[in-house]
PDB file of all heavy atoms in Angstrom:
ATOM      1  N   LEU A   1      27.139  -4.759   2.915  1.00  0.00           N
ATOM      2  CA  LEU A   1      27.113  -3.298   2.936  1.00  0.00           C
ATOM      3  C   LEU A   1      25.679  -2.800   2.758  1.00  0.00           C
ATOM      4  O   LEU A   1      25.243  -1.864   3.439  1.00  0.00           O
ATOM      5  CB  LEU A   1      28.006  -2.748   1.821  1.00  0.00           C
ATOM      6  CG  LEU A   1      28.310  -1.251   1.847  1.00  0.00           C
ATOM      7  CD1 LEU A   1      29.261  -0.932   2.986  1.00  0.00           C
ATOM      8  CD2 LEU A   1      28.910  -0.808   0.524  1.00  0.00           C
ATOM      9  N   ILE A   2      24.952  -3.417   1.847  1.00  0.00           N
ATOM     10  CA  ILE A   2      23.555  -3.035   1.625  1.00  0.00           C
ATOM     11  C   ILE A   2      22.721  -3.345   2.859  1.00  0.00           C
ATOM     12  O   ILE A   2      21.903  -2.524   3.302  1.00  0.00           O
ATOM     13  CB  ILE A   2      22.997  -3.752   0.382  1.00  0.00           C
ATOM     14  CG1 ILE A   2      23.648  -3.189  -0.895  1.00  0.00           C
ATOM     15  CG2 ILE A   2      21.482  -3.623   0.308  1.00  0.00           C
ATOM     16  CD1 ILE A   2      23.278  -3.928  -2.163  1.00  0.00           C
ATOM     17  N   ARG A   3      22.925  -4.518   3.447  1.00  0.00           N
ATOM     18  CA  ARG A   3      22.137  -4.898   4.627  1.00  0.00           C
ATOM     19  C   ARG A   3      22.352  -3.939   5.786  1.00  0.00           C
ATOM     20  O   ARG A   3      21.416  -3.599   6.503  1.00  0.00           O
ATOM     21  CB  ARG A   3      22.493  -6.318   5.053  1.00  0.00           C
ATOM     22  CG  ARG A   3      22.034  -7.386   4.076  1.00  0.00           C
ATOM     23  CD  ARG A   3      22.270  -8.785   4.625  1.00  0.00           C
ATOM     24  NE  ARG A   3      21.860  -9.802   3.662  1.00  0.00           N
ATOM     25  CZ  ARG A   3      22.697 -10.486   2.900  1.00  0.00           C
ATOM     26  NH1 ARG A   3      24.003 -10.266   3.006  1.00  0.00           N
ATOM     27  NH2 ARG A   3      22.254 -11.388   2.051  1.00  0.00           N
ATOM     28  N   ARG A   4      23.588  -3.520   5.983  1.00  0.00           N
ATOM     29  CA  ARG A   4      23.912  -2.708   7.153  1.00  0.00           C
ATOM     30  C   ARG A   4      23.773  -1.207   6.926  1.00  0.00           C
ATOM     31  O   ARG A   4      23.416  -0.478   7.847  1.00  0.00           O
ATOM     32  CB  ARG A   4      25.344  -3.014   7.617  1.00  0.00           C
ATOM     33  CG  ARG A   4      25.568  -4.456   8.038  1.00  0.00           C
ATOM     34  CD  ARG A   4      24.647  -4.846   9.167  1.00  0.00           C
ATOM     35  NE  ARG A   4      24.794  -6.263   9.522  1.00  0.00           N
ATOM     36  CZ  ARG A   4      23.996  -6.904  10.370  1.00  0.00           C
ATOM     37  NH1 ARG A   4      22.997  -6.247  10.952  1.00  0.00           N
ATOM     38  NH2 ARG A   4      24.190  -8.181  10.636  1.00  0.00           N
ATOM     39  N   LEU A   5      24.058  -0.736   5.718  1.00  0.00           N
ATOM     40  CA  LEU A   5      24.082   0.706   5.471  1.00  0.00           C
ATOM     41  C   LEU A   5      22.942   1.197   4.599  1.00  0.00           C
ATOM     42  O   LEU A   5      22.528   2.349   4.730  1.00  0.00           O
ATOM     43  CB  LEU A   5      25.413   1.109   4.817  1.00  0.00           C
ATOM     44  CG  LEU A   5      26.537   1.554   5.757  1.00  0.00           C
ATOM     45  CD1 LEU A   5      26.970   0.404   6.655  1.00  0.00           C
ATOM     46  CD2 LEU A   5      27.723   2.062   4.966  1.00  0.00           C
ATOM     47  N   PHE A   6      22.438   0.349   3.703  1.00  0.00           N
ATOM     48  CA  PHE A   6      21.440   0.800   2.739  1.00  0.00           C
ATOM     49  C   PHE A   6      20.219  -0.121   2.749  1.00  0.00           C
ATOM     50  O   PHE A   6      19.946  -0.813   1.761  1.00  0.00           O
ATOM     51  CB  PHE A   6      22.056   0.863   1.343  1.00  0.00           C
ATOM     52  CG  PHE A   6      23.275   1.731   1.263  1.00  0.00           C
ATOM     53  CD1 PHE A   6      24.533   1.178   1.060  1.00  0.00           C
ATOM     54  CD2 PHE A   6      23.167   3.105   1.417  1.00  0.00           C
ATOM     55  CE1 PHE A   6      25.665   1.975   0.997  1.00  0.00           C
ATOM     56  CE2 PHE A   6      24.289   3.916   1.347  1.00  0.00           C
ATOM     57  CZ  PHE A   6      25.536   3.358   1.140  1.00  0.00           C
ATOM     58  N   PRO A   7      19.481  -0.145   3.845  1.00  0.00           N
ATOM     59  CA  PRO A   7      18.343  -1.073   3.949  1.00  0.00           C
ATOM     60  C   PRO A   7      17.269  -0.862   2.892  1.00  0.00           C
ATOM     61  O   PRO A   7      16.543  -1.799   2.568  1.00  0.00           O
ATOM     62  CB  PRO A   7      17.806  -0.807   5.366  1.00  0.00           C
ATOM     63  CG  PRO A   7      18.378   0.516   5.762  1.00  0.00           C
ATOM     64  CD  PRO A   7      19.681   0.624   5.072  1.00  0.00           C
ATOM     65  N   ALA A   8      17.166   0.344   2.337  1.00  0.00           N
ATOM     66  CA  ALA A   8      16.156   0.561   1.290  1.00  0.00           C
ATOM     67  C   ALA A   8      16.408  -0.321   0.084  1.00  0.00           C
ATOM     68  O   ALA A   8      15.478  -0.656  -0.664  1.00  0.00           O
ATOM     69  CB  ALA A   8      16.155   2.032   0.865  1.00  0.00           C
ATOM     70  N   ALA A   9      17.662  -0.712  -0.140  1.00  0.00           N
ATOM     71  CA  ALA A   9      18.013  -1.530  -1.304  1.00  0.00           C
ATOM     72  C   ALA A   9      17.991  -3.024  -1.006  1.00  0.00           C
ATOM     73  O   ALA A   9      18.299  -3.823  -1.894  1.00  0.00           O
ATOM     74  CB  ALA A   9      19.402  -1.129  -1.818  1.00  0.00           C
ATOM     75  N   ARG A  10      17.628  -3.402   0.195  1.00  0.00           N
ATOM     76  CA  ARG A  10      17.612  -4.838   0.522  1.00  0.00           C
ATOM     77  C   ARG A  10      16.596  -5.602  -0.318  1.00  0.00           C
ATOM     78  O   ARG A  10      16.743  -6.802  -0.539  1.00  0.00           O
ATOM     79  CB  ARG A  10      17.336  -5.033   2.015  1.00  0.00           C
ATOM     80  CG  ARG A  10      18.481  -4.566   2.905  1.00  0.00           C
ATOM     81  CD  ARG A  10      18.217  -4.804   4.368  1.00  0.00           C
ATOM     82  NE  ARG A  10      18.198  -6.215   4.701  1.00  0.00           N
ATOM     83  CZ  ARG A  10      18.163  -6.683   5.946  1.00  0.00           C
ATOM     84  NH1 ARG A  10      18.144  -5.837   6.962  1.00  0.00           N
ATOM     85  NH2 ARG A  10      18.138  -7.974   6.185  1.00  0.00           N
ATOM     86  N   ARG A  11      15.573  -4.899  -0.760  1.00  0.00           N
ATOM     87  CA  ARG A  11      14.553  -5.561  -1.591  1.00  0.00           C
ATOM     88  C   ARG A  11      15.153  -6.137  -2.866  1.00  0.00           C
ATOM     89  O   ARG A  11      14.574  -7.031  -3.486  1.00  0.00           O
ATOM     90  CB  ARG A  11      13.442  -4.576  -1.940  1.00  0.00           C
ATOM     91  CG  ARG A  11      13.900  -3.415  -2.829  1.00  0.00           C
ATOM     92  CD  ARG A  11      12.723  -2.559  -3.287  1.00  0.00           C
ATOM     93  NE  ARG A  11      11.991  -2.010  -2.170  1.00  0.00           N
ATOM     94  CZ  ARG A  11      10.670  -1.858  -2.158  1.00  0.00           C
ATOM     95  NH1 ARG A  11       9.959  -2.228  -3.215  1.00  0.00           N
ATOM     96  NH2 ARG A  11      10.063  -1.347  -1.120  1.00  0.00           N
ATOM     97  N   TYR A  12      16.314  -5.615  -3.293  1.00  0.00           N
ATOM     98  CA  TYR A  12      16.919  -6.061  -4.548  1.00  0.00           C
ATOM     99  C   TYR A  12      17.873  -7.235  -4.366  1.00  0.00           C
ATOM    100  O   TYR A  12      18.350  -7.801  -5.346  1.00  0.00           O
ATOM    101  CB  TYR A  12      17.657  -4.898  -5.207  1.00  0.00           C
ATOM    102  CG  TYR A  12      16.795  -3.672  -5.340  1.00  0.00           C
ATOM    103  CD1 TYR A  12      17.139  -2.489  -4.697  1.00  0.00           C
ATOM    104  CD2 TYR A  12      15.618  -3.705  -6.081  1.00  0.00           C
ATOM    105  CE1 TYR A  12      16.333  -1.357  -4.790  1.00  0.00           C
ATOM    106  CE2 TYR A  12      14.809  -2.585  -6.176  1.00  0.00           C
ATOM    107  CZ  TYR A  12      15.168  -1.410  -5.529  1.00  0.00           C
ATOM    108  OH  TYR A  12      14.368  -0.303  -5.626  1.00  0.00           O
ATOM    109  N   ILE A  13      18.164  -7.586  -3.108  1.00  0.00           N
ATOM    110  CA  ILE A  13      19.041  -8.737  -2.857  1.00  0.00           C
ATOM    111  C   ILE A  13      18.365  -9.811  -2.013  1.00  0.00           C
ATOM    112  O   ILE A  13      18.859 -10.929  -1.913  1.00  0.00           O
ATOM    113  CB  ILE A  13      20.355  -8.307  -2.174  1.00  0.00           C
ATOM    114  CG1 ILE A  13      20.080  -7.673  -0.810  1.00  0.00           C
ATOM    115  CG2 ILE A  13      21.146  -7.369  -3.056  1.00  0.00           C
ATOM    116  CD1 ILE A  13      21.332  -7.439   0.026  1.00  0.00           C
ATOM    117  N   GLU A  14      17.241  -9.457  -1.397  1.00  0.00           N
ATOM    118  CA  GLU A  14      16.514 -10.428  -0.572  1.00  0.00           C
ATOM    119  C   GLU A  14      15.096  -9.919  -0.392  1.00  0.00           C
ATOM    120  O   GLU A  14      14.774  -8.781  -0.702  1.00  0.00           O
ATOM    121  CB  GLU A  14      17.190 -10.608   0.788  1.00  0.00           C
ATOM    122  CG  GLU A  14      17.316  -9.318   1.565  1.00  0.00           C
ATOM    123  CD  GLU A  14      18.181  -9.451   2.798  1.00  0.00           C
ATOM    124  OE1 GLU A  14      19.132 -10.252   2.785  1.00  0.00           O
ATOM    125  OE2 GLU A  14      17.913  -8.734   3.768  1.00  0.00           O
ATOM    126  N   ASN A  15      14.241 -10.735   0.147  1.00  0.00           N
ATOM    127  CA  ASN A  15      12.836 -10.361   0.321  1.00  0.00           C
ATOM    128  C   ASN A  15      12.675  -9.587   1.626  1.00  0.00           C
ATOM    129  O   ASN A  15      12.243 -10.102   2.642  1.00  0.00           O
ATOM    130  CB  ASN A  15      11.947 -11.608   0.340  1.00  0.00           C
ATOM    131  CG  ASN A  15      10.476 -11.251   0.360  1.00  0.00           C
ATOM    132  OD1 ASN A  15      10.098 -10.142  -0.022  1.00  0.00           O
ATOM    133  ND2 ASN A  15       9.647 -12.167   0.819  1.00  0.00           N
ATOM    134  N   ASN A  16      13.079  -8.317   1.585  1.00  0.00           N
ATOM    135  CA  ASN A  16      13.017  -7.486   2.785  1.00  0.00           C
ATOM    136  C   ASN A  16      12.750  -6.050   2.343  1.00  0.00           C
ATOM    137  O   ASN A  16      13.563  -5.467   1.633  1.00  0.00           O
ATOM    138  CB  ASN A  16      14.331  -7.578   3.566  1.00  0.00           C
ATOM    139  CG  ASN A  16      14.178  -7.041   4.976  1.00  0.00           C
ATOM    140  OD1 ASN A  16      13.560  -6.020   5.198  1.00  0.00           O
ATOM    141  ND2 ASN A  16      14.762  -7.754   5.933  1.00  0.00           N
ATOM    142  N   GLN A  17      11.615  -5.493   2.748  1.00  0.00           N
ATOM    143  CA  GLN A  17      11.244  -4.162   2.284  1.00  0.00           C
ATOM    144  C   GLN A  17      10.960  -3.244   3.466  1.00  0.00           C
ATOM    145  O   GLN A  17      10.543  -3.696   4.534  1.00  0.00           O
ATOM    146  CB  GLN A  17      10.017  -4.231   1.368  1.00  0.00           C
ATOM    147  CG  GLN A  17      10.247  -5.061   0.115  1.00  0.00           C
ATOM    148  CD  GLN A  17       9.066  -5.010  -0.830  1.00  0.00           C
ATOM    149  OE1 GLN A  17       8.224  -4.130  -0.738  1.00  0.00           O
ATOM    150  NE2 GLN A  17       9.011  -5.955  -1.760  1.00  0.00           N
ATOM    151  N   TYR A  18      11.189  -1.961   3.244  1.00  0.00           N
ATOM    152  CA  TYR A  18      10.957  -0.952   4.273  1.00  0.00           C
ATOM    153  C   TYR A  18       9.917   0.039   3.791  1.00  0.00           C
ATOM    154  O   TYR A  18       9.853   0.372   2.610  1.00  0.00           O
ATOM    155  CB  TYR A  18      12.254  -0.210   4.603  1.00  0.00           C
ATOM    156  CG  TYR A  18      13.230  -1.040   5.400  1.00  0.00           C
ATOM    157  CD1 TYR A  18      13.986  -2.031   4.796  1.00  0.00           C
ATOM    158  CD2 TYR A  18      13.376  -0.838   6.772  1.00  0.00           C
ATOM    159  CE1 TYR A  18      14.868  -2.802   5.530  1.00  0.00           C
ATOM    160  CE2 TYR A  18      14.257  -1.597   7.513  1.00  0.00           C
ATOM    161  CZ  TYR A  18      15.004  -2.572   6.892  1.00  0.00           C
ATOM    162  OH  TYR A  18      15.875  -3.335   7.623  1.00  0.00           O
ATOM    163  N   GLY A  19       9.108   0.536   4.754  1.00  0.00           N
ATOM    164  CA  GLY A  19       8.104   1.533   4.418  1.00  0.00           C
ATOM    165  C   GLY A  19       8.720   2.910   4.290  1.00  0.00           C
ATOM    166  O   GLY A  19       9.837   3.169   4.740  1.00  0.00           O
ATOM    167  N   ARG A  20       7.956   3.833   3.688  1.00  0.00           N
ATOM    168  CA  ARG A  20       8.479   5.167   3.435  1.00  0.00           C
ATOM    169  C   ARG A  20       8.748   5.944   4.721  1.00  0.00           C
ATOM    170  O   ARG A  20       9.569   6.865   4.739  1.00  0.00           O
ATOM    171  CB  ARG A  20       7.509   5.941   2.536  1.00  0.00           C
ATOM    172  CG  ARG A  20       7.370   5.337   1.144  1.00  0.00           C
ATOM    173  CD  ARG A  20       6.567   6.236   0.233  1.00  0.00           C
ATOM    174  NE  ARG A  20       7.251   7.484  -0.039  1.00  0.00           N
ATOM    175  CZ  ARG A  20       8.215   7.625  -0.935  1.00  0.00           C
ATOM    176  NH1 ARG A  20       8.636   6.576  -1.634  1.00  0.00           N
ATOM    177  NH2 ARG A  20       8.769   8.799  -1.145  1.00  0.00           N
ATOM    178  N   ASN A  21       8.087   5.559   5.825  1.00  0.00           N
ATOM    179  CA  ASN A  21       8.355   6.259   7.080  1.00  0.00           C
ATOM    180  C   ASN A  21       9.747   5.945   7.616  1.00  0.00           C
ATOM    181  O   ASN A  21      10.242   6.625   8.522  1.00  0.00           O
ATOM    182  CB  ASN A  21       7.294   5.903   8.123  1.00  0.00           C
ATOM    183  CG  ASN A  21       7.257   4.411   8.427  1.00  0.00           C
ATOM    184  OD1 ASN A  21       7.748   3.603   7.651  1.00  0.00           O
ATOM    185  ND2 ASN A  21       6.675   4.055   9.552  1.00  0.00           N
ATOM    186  N   SER A  22      10.407   4.923   7.066  1.00  0.00           N
ATOM    187  CA  SER A  22      11.772   4.614   7.494  1.00  0.00           C
ATOM    188  C   SER A  22      12.732   5.739   7.140  1.00  0.00           C
ATOM    189  O   SER A  22      13.753   5.932   7.815  1.00  0.00           O
ATOM    190  CB  SER A  22      12.253   3.313   6.840  1.00  0.00           C
ATOM    191  OG  SER A  22      11.443   2.223   7.199  1.00  0.00           O
ATOM    192  N   GLN A  23      12.413   6.486   6.090  1.00  0.00           N
ATOM    193  CA  GLN A  23      13.286   7.587   5.683  1.00  0.00           C
ATOM    194  C   GLN A  23      13.459   8.595   6.814  1.00  0.00           C
ATOM    195  O   GLN A  23      14.561   9.123   7.031  1.00  0.00           O
ATOM    196  CB  GLN A  23      12.704   8.291   4.446  1.00  0.00           C
ATOM    197  CG  GLN A  23      12.691   7.447   3.189  1.00  0.00           C
ATOM    198  CD  GLN A  23      14.052   7.422   2.500  1.00  0.00           C
ATOM    199  OE1 GLN A  23      15.041   7.852   3.047  1.00  0.00           O
ATOM    200  NE2 GLN A  23      14.078   6.905   1.290  1.00  0.00           N
ATOM    201  N   ALA A  24      12.380   8.850   7.525  1.00  0.00           N
ATOM    202  CA  ALA A  24      12.461   9.807   8.639  1.00  0.00           C
ATOM    203  C   ALA A  24      13.379   9.287   9.736  1.00  0.00           C
ATOM    204  O   ALA A  24      14.122  10.052  10.361  1.00  0.00           O
ATOM    205  CB  ALA A  24      11.063  10.075   9.197  1.00  0.00           C
ATOM    206  N   VAL A  25      13.340   7.988   9.975  1.00  0.00           N
ATOM    207  CA  VAL A  25      14.216   7.387  10.992  1.00  0.00           C
ATOM    208  C   VAL A  25      15.672   7.521  10.588  1.00  0.00           C
ATOM    209  O   VAL A  25      16.533   7.920  11.388  1.00  0.00           O
ATOM    210  CB  VAL A  25      13.845   5.905  11.210  1.00  0.00           C
ATOM    211  CG1 VAL A  25      14.807   5.251  12.197  1.00  0.00           C
ATOM    212  CG2 VAL A  25      12.413   5.781  11.696  1.00  0.00           C
ATOM    213  N   TRP A  26      15.978   7.209   9.335  1.00  0.00           N
ATOM    214  CA  TRP A  26      17.369   7.294   8.863  1.00  0.00           C
ATOM    215  C   TRP A  26      17.854   8.732   8.866  1.00  0.00           C
ATOM    216  O   TRP A  26      19.025   8.995   9.153  1.00  0.00           O
ATOM    217  CB  TRP A  26      17.476   6.689   7.461  1.00  0.00           C
ATOM    218  CG  TRP A  26      17.037   5.256   7.407  1.00  0.00           C
ATOM    219  CD1 TRP A  26      17.122   4.336   8.412  1.00  0.00           C
ATOM    220  CD2 TRP A  26      16.416   4.575   6.301  1.00  0.00           C
ATOM    221  NE1 TRP A  26      16.592   3.129   8.008  1.00  0.00           N
ATOM    222  CE2 TRP A  26      16.158   3.244   6.715  1.00  0.00           C
ATOM    223  CE3 TRP A  26      16.065   4.953   5.009  1.00  0.00           C
ATOM    224  CZ2 TRP A  26      15.574   2.312   5.874  1.00  0.00           C
ATOM    225  CZ3 TRP A  26      15.474   4.027   4.173  1.00  0.00           C
ATOM    226  CH2 TRP A  26      15.229   2.712   4.596  1.00  0.00           C
ATOM    227  N   LEU A  27      16.964   9.642   8.566  1.00  0.00           N
ATOM    228  CA  LEU A  27      17.335  11.051   8.609  1.00  0.00           C
ATOM    229  C   LEU A  27      17.645  11.471  10.039  1.00  0.00           C
ATOM    230  O   LEU A  27      18.661  12.120  10.305  1.00  0.00           O
ATOM    231  CB  LEU A  27      16.193  11.900   8.040  1.00  0.00           C
ATOM    232  CG  LEU A  27      16.435  13.407   7.955  1.00  0.00           C
ATOM    233  CD1 LEU A  27      17.515  13.726   6.935  1.00  0.00           C
ATOM    234  CD2 LEU A  27      15.137  14.130   7.605  1.00  0.00           C
TER     235      LEU A  27
END
């Protein structure tokens, strides 16, 4: 669920981080 719906939280379950500009894409 985190991987598919909440990528911002992937950093807490695996080594995968998103930049702040991703917020604009999700919006």
